[in-house]
Protein backbone atom coordinates (compact mmCIF):
# COMPACT_ATOMS: atom_id res chain seq x y z
CA UNK A 1 -4.45 -4.79 -23.68
CA UNK A 2 -4.01 -2.31 -26.34
CA UNK A 3 -6.99 -1.59 -28.28
CA UNK A 4 -4.97 0.39 -31.36
CA UNK A 5 -2.83 -3.13 -32.44
CA UNK A 6 -4.11 -4.36 -35.60
CA UNK A 7 -4.58 -7.97 -33.86
CA UNK A 8 -7.64 -7.04 -31.88
CA UNK A 9 -10.01 -5.74 -34.57
CA UNK A 10 -13.13 -7.51 -35.59
CA UNK A 11 -13.44 -9.18 -32.14
CA UNK A 12 -15.30 -9.04 -29.03
CA UNK A 13 -13.95 -9.25 -25.45
CA UNK A 14 -15.66 -9.83 -22.27
CA UNK A 15 -14.72 -8.78 -18.69
CA UNK A 16 -16.33 -8.85 -15.34
CA UNK A 17 -15.34 -5.78 -12.94
CA UNK A 18 -15.87 -5.92 -9.41
CA UNK A 19 -15.77 -3.14 -7.40
CA UNK A 20 -15.21 -3.49 -3.69
CA UNK A 21 -15.98 -1.15 -0.49
CA UNK A 22 -12.61 -0.59 1.09
CA UNK A 23 -13.02 -1.63 4.38
CA UNK A 24 -15.66 -4.28 3.94
CA UNK A 25 -15.95 -8.03 2.78
CA UNK A 26 -19.45 -8.10 1.75
CA UNK A 27 -20.24 -4.80 0.10
CA UNK A 28 -19.10 -5.10 -3.81
CA UNK A 29 -20.75 -4.83 -7.06
CA UNK A 30 -20.09 -6.76 -10.28
CA UNK A 31 -20.41 -5.14 -13.59
CA UNK A 32 -20.32 -6.99 -16.81
CA UNK A 33 -18.83 -5.19 -19.84
CA UNK A 34 -18.61 -6.61 -23.25
CA UNK A 35 -16.42 -4.42 -25.76
CA UNK A 36 -16.63 -4.85 -29.71
CA UNK A 37 -13.94 -3.48 -31.74
CA UNK A 38 -14.55 -3.01 -35.26
CA UNK A 39 -12.85 -3.69 -38.07
CA UNK A 40 -12.16 -7.29 -40.04
CA UNK A 41 -10.01 -9.76 -37.83
CA UNK A 42 -6.59 -10.30 -39.01
CA UNK A 43 -4.64 -13.70 -38.81
CA UNK A 44 -1.24 -12.92 -37.24
CA UNK A 45 0.62 -15.24 -39.73
CA UNK A 46 -0.51 -12.49 -42.48
CA UNK A 47 1.10 -9.92 -41.07
CA UNK A 48 4.85 -11.54 -40.69
CA UNK A 49 6.98 -10.70 -44.03
CA UNK A 50 7.44 -13.33 -46.57
CA UNK A 51 10.15 -15.80 -46.32
CA UNK A 52 10.87 -14.43 -42.95
CA UNK A 53 11.05 -16.85 -39.62
CA UNK A 54 9.57 -15.39 -36.00
CA UNK A 55 12.51 -15.95 -33.47
CA UNK A 56 11.48 -15.79 -29.89
CA UNK A 57 14.39 -14.92 -27.26
CA UNK A 58 14.30 -15.37 -23.81
CA UNK A 59 16.86 -13.89 -21.08
CA UNK A 60 17.72 -17.02 -19.14
CA UNK A 61 20.04 -15.18 -16.42
CA UNK A 62 20.75 -11.17 -15.69
CA UNK A 63 22.29 -10.03 -12.66
CA UNK A 64 22.87 -6.63 -11.12
CA UNK A 65 25.74 -5.96 -13.54
CA UNK A 66 23.56 -6.57 -16.46
CA UNK A 67 25.44 -9.69 -17.23
CA UNK A 68 23.62 -12.39 -18.54
CA UNK A 69 22.85 -14.97 -21.23
CA UNK A 70 20.04 -15.02 -23.97
CA UNK A 71 18.52 -17.62 -25.69
CA UNK A 72 16.98 -17.72 -29.00
CA UNK A 73 14.25 -20.22 -30.55
CA UNK A 74 16.76 -21.11 -33.19
CA UNK A 75 20.07 -20.30 -34.54
CA UNK A 76 20.37 -16.92 -35.69
């Protein structure tokens, strides 16, 4: 999570943190945290430029010599 990203503003996140003693199976504490990031929520679709399409990329294969292939979600 990168809290300086616009996509996180205006939202509330809930975490539970478990602290456990290193050499013990029963000595642990659980802490519940609520983090509220200020600002107005932003729809991710509003950040796309007009008349543009988001294209996803996947590396299907990559070997030790950096040879492989890339697959796009649509033709480019």
